Amino acid sequence: MIQAAEFGFWTQIRKSPYFESTVRWGTKAFSVYNHMFIPRDFGDPEQNFWNLVNDAILCDVAVERQVEITGPDAARFVQMLTPRDLSTMAVGQCRYVLITNAEGGILNDPVLLRLGAAHFWLSLADSDILLWAQGVAVHAGMDVTIREPDVSPLQLQGPKSGMVMQALFGESIADLRYYWLREAELDGIPLIVSRTGWSSELGYELYLRDGARGEELWERIMAAGAPLGLKPGHTSTIRRIEGGMLSYRADADSDTNPFELGLDRLVNLDMEADFIGKAALRRIRAQGPRRRQVGLVIDGAPLPGPNTTFWPVLKDGAVVGKVTSAVHSPRLERNIALAMVSSAHAAVGEAVEVAGPFGRAAATVADRPFHDPAKRTAVAPVPRTA
């Protein structure tokens, strides 16, 4: 068995409450995300993909740190951080949002959870929004408290995740709607449970509210899921690229604006409420984005793994963009990628080339998502086990 000491961990990077459990269950490699170790390898990534799309996997995503915003002005403050209109967001609801800077660039693309009228969590991608929000609050003139609570999520994802959840919490959990949350306890372990996840599959996130009980929660879920084929796993690069899901710092950063990503639906420039970046985003919308994110199908032999650098995209020998995320999909039997290219070359069907470690390969601009564009898999009602 691999021991934690063999990984050479130090104290500067935090471990999750599930760290020892993931090592016992076969983690073979970690990377760092939000200043915390995240399991990235439980063996064959293709098998992890099939486990996800056929059965269910449990993933340690405690790296999705929470920024908690409370206080009398919490709702107004959260609206100031994002261009998405939150005026109709109910208590118990989740929303995918963008956090933008004064230039309209994206600082993070978290899931926002509303736990109470004046109680919010931003469940983060990989950037320091705690410090950003605290800095904004200094001169905002609003009565808010901003902190990182003791909250560590797990993702339970895959078509059998609903059955595992019913084994844990009873049949009523099937009533939890897509992008809604509820408070729950499991053997006295305090949780927030949401029907969300980073997989484009049916899935749930379980937000542990007591880090001392991480190993107990992990083992309890794995035991309940064993008869249903639940496996330990990691977020699947294959599935998330199939689903066109962003990986912050790869597919977007502070120099990327929502219109380049086709995320106009997350920007309401006509709402009365003000937010950071509103004037800049109005200018960008009026001018039109210079770049656009596209899907690419890359010809050639199956890629041996995801890209670890940005690959140039070329048209007639000139660089017109870059591949941000690429992988071979065993289900689609194609090399698929997300890329940022100049708007002049973003039309579906456009023929380009990609320069990578394989040399140059022909590629074609394609629609994204590559699979299940209507997200029927994730949104569909959950069948009851009883």
Protein backbone atom coordinates (compact mmCIF):
# COMPACT_ATOMS: atom_id res chain seq x y z
CA MET A 1 0.00 0.00 0.00
CA ILE A 2 1.24 3.51 -0.80
CA GLN A 3 1.96 5.51 2.33
CA ALA A 4 1.36 9.26 2.58
CA ALA A 5 5.04 9.83 3.33
CA GLU A 6 5.97 8.48 -0.11
CA PHE A 7 4.30 11.49 -1.75
CA GLY A 8 6.64 13.93 0.02
CA PHE A 9 3.92 16.21 1.39
CA TRP A 10 4.73 19.28 3.43
CA THR A 11 2.70 21.56 5.64
CA GLN A 12 2.50 24.55 3.28
CA ILE A 13 -0.21 22.79 1.26
CA ARG A 14 -3.27 21.67 3.16
CA LYS A 15 -4.68 18.16 3.24
CA SER A 16 -8.39 17.53 3.03
CA PRO A 17 -10.39 15.73 5.73
CA TYR A 18 -10.53 12.78 3.30
CA PHE A 19 -6.80 12.65 2.57
CA GLU A 20 -5.97 9.48 4.50
CA SER A 21 -9.07 7.74 3.19
CA THR A 22 -8.17 8.46 -0.43
CA VAL A 23 -4.65 7.12 0.15
CA ARG A 24 -6.09 3.91 1.64
CA TRP A 25 -8.46 3.58 -1.31
CA GLY A 26 -5.68 3.76 -3.88
CA THR A 27 -4.75 7.32 -4.82
CA LYS A 28 -1.64 7.20 -6.98
CA ALA A 29 -1.05 10.92 -7.61
CA PHE A 30 -2.08 14.32 -6.28
CA SER A 31 -1.90 17.85 -7.62
CA VAL A 32 -2.50 21.21 -5.92
CA TYR A 33 -5.67 23.28 -6.26
CA ASN A 34 -6.65 26.21 -4.04
CA HIS A 35 -3.56 25.60 -1.89
CA MET A 36 -4.73 22.05 -1.09
CA PHE A 37 -3.83 18.56 -2.31
CA ILE A 38 -6.40 16.95 -4.62
CA PRO A 39 -6.36 13.28 -5.72
CA ARG A 40 -5.83 13.14 -9.49
CA ASP A 41 -5.20 9.46 -10.16
CA PHE A 42 -6.79 6.24 -8.91
CA GLY A 43 -5.33 4.22 -11.77
CA ASP A 44 -6.45 4.10 -15.39
CA PRO A 45 -8.19 7.43 -16.26
CA GLU A 46 -10.21 5.68 -18.96
CA GLN A 47 -11.55 3.20 -16.42
CA ASN A 48 -12.36 6.11 -14.10
CA PHE A 49 -14.38 7.61 -16.97
CA TRP A 50 -16.32 4.38 -17.53
CA ASN A 51 -16.91 4.03 -13.77
CA LEU A 52 -18.39 7.54 -13.84
CA VAL A 53 -20.66 7.16 -16.87
CA ASN A 54 -21.82 3.60 -16.14
CA ASP A 55 -22.00 3.44 -12.33
CA ALA A 56 -20.80 6.03 -9.81
CA ILE A 57 -17.62 7.49 -8.35
CA LEU A 58 -16.82 9.31 -5.11
CA CYS A 59 -14.36 12.21 -5.46
CA ASP A 60 -12.54 14.24 -2.83
CA VAL A 61 -13.16 17.83 -3.94
CA ALA A 62 -12.51 19.53 -0.61
CA VAL A 63 -10.32 21.87 -2.68
CA GLU A 64 -13.58 23.58 -3.68
CA ARG A 65 -13.22 25.95 -0.75
CA GLN A 66 -16.19 27.97 0.43
CA VAL A 67 -16.27 31.73 0.78
CA GLU A 68 -19.05 32.39 3.27
CA ILE A 69 -20.79 35.76 3.07
CA THR A 70 -23.25 36.69 5.82
CA GLY A 71 -24.72 39.84 7.32
CA PRO A 72 -27.55 42.31 6.65
CA ASP A 73 -26.10 43.34 3.27
CA ALA A 74 -25.00 39.87 2.14
CA ALA A 75 -27.41 39.59 -0.79
CA ARG A 76 -26.52 43.04 -2.12
CA PHE A 77 -22.79 42.35 -1.72
CA VAL A 78 -22.93 38.99 -3.52
CA GLN A 79 -24.80 40.64 -6.41
CA MET A 80 -21.99 43.20 -6.67
CA LEU A 81 -19.50 40.36 -7.30
CA THR A 82 -21.28 38.77 -10.26
CA PRO A 83 -22.96 39.86 -13.51
CA ARG A 84 -25.62 37.15 -13.15
CA ASP A 85 -28.98 38.48 -11.94
CA LEU A 86 -29.62 36.97 -8.50
CA SER A 87 -32.88 38.80 -7.77
CA THR A 88 -34.97 35.63 -8.17
CA MET A 89 -32.58 33.27 -6.38
CA ALA A 90 -34.43 31.51 -3.57
CA VAL A 91 -33.13 30.21 -0.27
CA GLY A 92 -32.10 26.60 -0.91
CA GLN A 93 -31.12 27.26 -4.52
CA CYS A 94 -27.71 27.04 -6.23
CA ARG A 95 -26.52 29.05 -9.21
CA TYR A 96 -23.49 28.79 -11.47
CA VAL A 97 -22.02 32.30 -11.51
CA LEU A 98 -19.02 34.25 -12.74
CA ILE A 99 -16.95 36.58 -10.60
CA THR A 100 -15.65 39.45 -12.74
CA ASN A 101 -13.07 42.19 -12.30
CA ALA A 102 -13.32 45.83 -13.38
CA GLU A 103 -12.21 44.93 -16.92
CA GLY A 104 -14.88 42.23 -17.26
CA GLY A 105 -12.33 39.43 -16.86
CA ILE A 106 -13.30 36.25 -15.04
CA LEU A 107 -11.71 35.73 -11.63
CA ASN A 108 -13.60 32.54 -10.78
CA ASP A 109 -16.64 30.52 -11.89
CA PRO A 110 -18.04 29.13 -8.65
CA VAL A 111 -21.34 27.58 -7.71
CA LEU A 112 -23.23 29.96 -5.44
CA LEU A 113 -25.33 28.37 -2.70
CA ARG A 114 -27.97 30.34 -0.80
CA LEU A 115 -28.36 28.79 2.64
CA GLY A 116 -30.43 31.61 4.10
CA ALA A 117 -31.80 35.06 3.31
CA ALA A 118 -28.44 36.55 4.34
CA HIS A 119 -26.20 33.47 4.14
CA PHE A 120 -24.27 32.50 0.99
CA TRP A 121 -21.41 30.21 0.01
CA LEU A 122 -19.27 30.62 -3.07
CA SER A 123 -17.98 27.11 -3.87
CA LEU A 124 -14.78 27.99 -5.64
CA ALA A 125 -12.75 27.08 -8.66
CA ASP A 126 -8.98 27.55 -8.38
CA SER A 127 -8.37 31.19 -7.37
CA ASP A 128 -8.24 33.33 -4.22
CA ILE A 129 -11.73 34.81 -4.11
CA LEU A 130 -11.70 34.91 -0.30
CA LEU A 131 -9.04 37.64 -0.50
CA TRP A 132 -10.82 39.38 -3.40
CA ALA A 133 -14.15 39.48 -1.58
CA GLN A 134 -12.57 40.68 1.66
CA GLY A 135 -10.74 43.40 -0.27
CA VAL A 136 -13.90 44.53 -2.05
CA ALA A 137 -15.72 44.65 1.28
CA VAL A 138 -13.20 47.06 2.79
CA HIS A 139 -14.56 49.99 0.77
CA ALA A 140 -18.01 48.68 -0.14
CA GLY A 141 -19.77 50.36 2.77
CA MET A 142 -21.82 47.22 3.42
CA ASP A 143 -22.43 45.24 6.59
CA VAL A 144 -21.05 41.80 5.71
CA THR A 145 -18.84 39.14 7.26
CA ILE A 146 -16.62 37.16 4.89
CA ARG A 147 -14.70 34.06 5.95
CA GLU A 148 -13.76 30.53 4.98
CA PRO A 149 -15.84 28.09 7.07
CA ASP A 150 -14.97 24.50 8.01
CA VAL A 151 -16.70 23.02 4.96
CA SER A 152 -15.26 20.29 2.70
CA PRO A 153 -17.28 18.86 -0.20
CA LEU A 154 -17.29 15.40 -1.73
CA GLN A 155 -18.72 14.68 -5.17
CA LEU A 156 -20.84 11.58 -5.70
CA GLN A 157 -21.38 11.41 -9.47
CA GLY A 158 -22.74 8.97 -12.03
CA PRO A 159 -26.04 7.32 -13.03
CA LYS A 160 -26.18 5.25 -9.84
CA SER A 161 -25.43 8.20 -7.54
CA GLY A 162 -29.14 8.67 -6.88
CA MET A 163 -29.46 5.07 -5.67
CA VAL A 164 -26.43 5.51 -3.40
CA MET A 165 -27.96 8.69 -1.99
CA GLN A 166 -31.24 6.90 -1.28
CA ALA A 167 -29.34 4.12 0.47
CA LEU A 168 -27.75 6.81 2.66
CA PHE A 169 -30.60 9.26 3.24
CA GLY A 170 -33.81 7.48 2.28
CA GLU A 171 -36.14 7.75 -0.66
CA SER A 172 -37.05 11.41 -0.06
CA ILE A 173 -33.62 12.56 -1.29
CA ALA A 174 -34.88 11.73 -4.81
CA ASP A 175 -37.02 14.89 -4.55
CA LEU A 176 -33.94 17.13 -4.47
CA ARG A 177 -34.02 19.11 -7.71
CA TYR A 178 -31.14 19.98 -9.99
CA TYR A 179 -29.20 22.94 -8.56
CA TRP A 180 -31.01 22.93 -5.21
CA LEU A 181 -29.69 22.08 -1.75
CA ARG A 182 -30.87 20.92 1.63
CA GLU A 183 -29.43 20.48 5.11
CA ALA A 184 -28.98 16.89 6.21
CA GLU A 185 -27.34 14.66 8.78
CA LEU A 186 -25.82 11.23 8.24
CA ASP A 187 -25.20 9.31 11.45
CA GLY A 188 -24.95 12.69 13.17
CA ILE A 189 -22.50 14.10 10.59
CA PRO A 190 -23.66 17.63 9.64
CA LEU A 191 -23.97 18.20 5.89
CA ILE A 192 -25.32 20.39 3.16
CA VAL A 193 -26.34 18.23 0.19
CA SER A 194 -26.78 19.72 -3.28
CA ARG A 195 -27.66 18.21 -6.62
CA THR A 196 -24.65 19.64 -8.40
CA GLY A 197 -21.23 18.49 -9.61
CA TRP A 198 -18.45 18.83 -12.13
CA SER A 199 -19.20 15.85 -14.36
CA SER A 200 -22.24 16.57 -16.60
CA GLU A 201 -23.69 13.37 -15.12
CA LEU A 202 -26.37 12.88 -12.50
CA GLY A 203 -24.63 13.81 -9.29
CA TYR A 204 -24.55 15.26 -5.82
CA GLU A 205 -22.15 17.21 -3.63
CA LEU A 206 -22.01 16.54 0.08
CA TYR A 207 -20.58 19.50 2.00
CA LEU A 208 -19.12 18.25 5.27
CA ARG A 209 -19.47 20.84 8.05
CA ASP A 210 -17.14 19.16 10.55
CA GLY A 211 -13.69 18.37 9.20
CA ALA A 212 -12.96 15.98 12.07
CA ARG A 213 -15.44 13.51 10.58
CA GLY A 214 -14.04 13.31 7.06
CA GLU A 215 -12.79 9.74 7.14
CA GLU A 216 -16.02 8.57 8.79
CA LEU A 217 -18.10 10.18 6.04
CA TRP A 218 -15.95 8.77 3.23
CA GLU A 219 -16.12 5.22 4.58
CA ARG A 220 -19.84 5.45 5.23
CA ILE A 221 -20.56 6.47 1.63
CA MET A 222 -18.26 3.82 0.15
CA ALA A 223 -19.89 1.12 2.26
CA ALA A 224 -23.39 2.16 1.16
CA GLY A 225 -22.31 2.30 -2.48
CA ALA A 226 -20.36 -0.95 -2.67
CA PRO A 227 -23.37 -3.11 -3.69
CA LEU A 228 -24.11 -0.57 -6.46
CA GLY A 229 -20.61 -0.56 -7.93
CA LEU A 230 -19.42 2.72 -6.38
CA LYS A 231 -15.69 3.29 -6.89
CA PRO A 232 -13.27 5.90 -5.55
CA GLY A 233 -12.40 8.29 -8.32
CA HIS A 234 -11.27 11.69 -9.48
CA THR A 235 -12.90 14.38 -11.59
CA SER A 236 -12.80 13.10 -15.16
CA THR A 237 -11.02 15.25 -17.75
CA ILE A 238 -12.60 13.13 -20.46
CA ARG A 239 -16.17 13.69 -19.27
CA ARG A 240 -15.80 17.36 -18.47
CA ILE A 241 -14.37 18.13 -21.95
CA GLU A 242 -17.16 16.05 -23.53
CA GLY A 243 -19.56 18.25 -21.56
CA GLY A 244 -17.78 21.51 -22.47
CA MET A 245 -17.17 22.32 -18.80
CA LEU A 246 -14.57 24.96 -17.97
CA SER A 247 -11.43 24.35 -15.95
CA TYR A 248 -10.39 27.67 -14.48
CA ARG A 249 -6.79 28.67 -15.31
CA ALA A 250 -6.92 26.33 -18.32
CA ASP A 251 -10.01 27.41 -20.29
CA ALA A 252 -10.54 30.80 -18.62
CA ASP A 253 -8.61 33.32 -16.57
CA SER A 254 -8.73 36.99 -15.60
CA ASP A 255 -8.08 38.01 -19.22
CA THR A 256 -11.08 36.01 -20.47
CA ASN A 257 -14.53 37.60 -20.59
CA PRO A 258 -17.92 35.85 -20.53
CA PHE A 259 -18.79 36.73 -24.15
CA GLU A 260 -15.67 34.95 -25.42
CA LEU A 261 -16.92 31.79 -23.69
CA GLY A 262 -20.47 32.07 -24.99
CA LEU A 263 -21.72 32.62 -21.44
CA ASP A 264 -23.94 35.58 -22.28
CA ARG A 265 -26.75 33.95 -20.26
CA LEU A 266 -24.74 34.60 -17.09
CA VAL A 267 -24.49 38.34 -17.77
CA ASN A 268 -27.41 40.72 -17.24
CA LEU A 269 -26.30 44.19 -18.26
CA ASP A 270 -29.82 45.60 -18.10
CA MET A 271 -30.57 44.85 -14.46
CA GLU A 272 -30.75 47.83 -12.11
CA ALA A 273 -28.21 46.40 -9.67
CA ASP A 274 -24.60 47.38 -10.19
CA PHE A 275 -21.74 44.88 -10.25
CA ILE A 276 -17.98 44.98 -10.75
CA GLY A 277 -17.15 45.03 -14.47
CA LYS A 278 -20.55 46.22 -15.70
CA ALA A 279 -19.23 49.14 -17.76
CA ALA A 280 -16.45 47.04 -19.30
CA LEU A 281 -18.82 44.24 -20.24
CA ARG A 282 -21.17 46.73 -21.88
CA ARG A 283 -18.27 47.90 -24.06
CA ILE A 284 -17.25 44.35 -24.92
CA ARG A 285 -20.80 43.41 -25.86
CA ALA A 286 -21.12 46.47 -28.09
CA GLN A 287 -17.81 45.82 -29.85
CA GLY A 288 -18.17 42.05 -30.02
CA PRO A 289 -15.54 39.66 -28.66
CA ARG A 290 -12.27 39.34 -30.56
CA ARG A 291 -11.93 35.68 -29.57
CA ARG A 292 -14.33 32.83 -29.01
CA GLN A 293 -14.14 29.48 -27.30
CA VAL A 294 -14.84 26.60 -29.67
CA GLY A 295 -14.77 22.85 -29.71
CA LEU A 296 -12.19 21.09 -31.86
CA VAL A 297 -11.99 17.58 -33.23
CA ILE A 298 -8.31 16.77 -33.78
CA ASP A 299 -7.35 14.14 -36.35
CA GLY A 300 -4.74 11.45 -35.76
CA ALA A 301 -3.95 8.71 -33.28
CA PRO A 302 -5.61 8.81 -29.85
CA LEU A 303 -3.94 11.34 -27.58
CA PRO A 304 -2.04 9.52 -24.81
CA GLY A 305 -3.38 11.90 -22.19
CA PRO A 306 -4.58 15.47 -21.59
CA ASN A 307 -2.45 18.35 -22.82
CA THR A 308 -0.07 19.86 -20.27
CA THR A 309 0.70 23.01 -22.31
CA PHE A 310 -1.36 25.26 -24.56
CA TRP A 311 -1.08 24.05 -28.17
CA PRO A 312 -1.13 26.64 -30.97
CA VAL A 313 -4.06 26.60 -33.38
CA LEU A 314 -3.02 27.61 -36.91
CA LYS A 315 -4.77 28.71 -40.07
CA ASP A 316 -2.69 28.85 -43.25
CA GLY A 317 0.43 28.71 -41.09
CA ALA A 318 -0.51 31.68 -38.87
CA VAL A 319 -1.37 31.26 -35.19
CA VAL A 320 -5.06 32.10 -34.63
CA GLY A 321 -5.57 30.69 -31.15
CA LYS A 322 -4.69 27.97 -28.67
CA VAL A 323 -5.97 24.63 -27.47
CA THR A 324 -6.72 24.97 -23.76
CA SER A 325 -7.94 21.44 -22.94
CA ALA A 326 -7.62 18.29 -25.06
CA VAL A 327 -8.15 14.58 -24.52
CA HIS A 328 -9.14 11.39 -26.35
CA SER A 329 -12.75 10.36 -25.74
CA PRO A 330 -13.10 6.56 -25.78
CA ARG A 331 -16.88 6.89 -26.05
CA LEU A 332 -16.77 9.24 -29.05
CA GLU A 333 -13.61 7.57 -30.43
CA ARG A 334 -12.17 10.99 -31.27
CA ASN A 335 -9.65 13.48 -29.96
CA ILE A 336 -11.68 16.40 -28.64
CA ALA A 337 -10.60 19.78 -27.33
CA LEU A 338 -11.67 23.17 -26.11
CA ALA A 339 -9.82 26.05 -27.77
CA MET A 340 -9.81 29.84 -27.82
CA VAL A 341 -9.52 31.19 -31.37
CA SER A 342 -9.99 34.50 -33.15
CA SER A 343 -13.62 35.21 -33.96
CA ALA A 344 -12.84 35.12 -37.69
CA HIS A 345 -12.03 31.41 -37.42
CA ALA A 346 -14.67 30.29 -34.91
CA ALA A 347 -17.36 29.02 -37.28
CA VAL A 348 -18.36 25.37 -36.95
CA GLY A 349 -16.74 23.39 -39.75
CA GLU A 350 -13.70 25.67 -40.06
CA ALA A 351 -10.58 23.66 -40.95
CA VAL A 352 -7.48 24.49 -38.88
CA GLU A 353 -4.33 22.80 -37.66
CA VAL A 354 -3.07 22.08 -34.16
CA ALA A 355 0.64 22.02 -33.34
CA GLY A 356 1.42 19.69 -30.45
CA PRO A 357 3.95 17.11 -29.30
CA PHE A 358 2.64 14.92 -32.15
CA GLY A 359 3.68 17.53 -34.73
CA ARG A 360 0.92 19.16 -36.75
CA ALA A 361 -2.54 17.65 -37.03
CA ALA A 362 -5.60 18.66 -38.98
CA ALA A 363 -8.54 19.78 -36.85
CA THR A 364 -12.11 20.97 -37.36
CA VAL A 365 -14.10 23.49 -35.33
CA ALA A 366 -17.06 21.67 -33.78
CA ASP A 367 -20.11 22.35 -31.64
CA ARG A 368 -19.67 22.01 -27.90
CA PRO A 369 -20.66 20.25 -25.73
CA PHE A 370 -19.56 17.18 -27.63
CA HIS A 371 -21.99 14.88 -25.77
CA ASP A 372 -25.48 15.41 -24.33
CA PRO A 373 -25.72 19.12 -25.25
CA ALA A 374 -29.09 19.51 -23.49
CA LYS A 375 -27.64 18.07 -20.23
CA ARG A 376 -30.52 15.60 -20.05
CA THR A 377 -28.35 13.18 -18.08
CA ALA A 378 -27.69 15.63 -15.24
CA VAL A 379 -31.12 17.23 -15.14
CA ALA A 380 -33.39 14.17 -15.51
CA PRO A 381 -35.64 13.17 -12.58
CA VAL A 382 -34.05 10.66 -10.20
CA PRO A 383 -35.79 7.26 -10.13
CA ARG A 384 -36.73 5.98 -6.70
CA THR A 385 -35.25 2.72 -5.52
CA ALA A 386 -38.28 1.62 -3.57
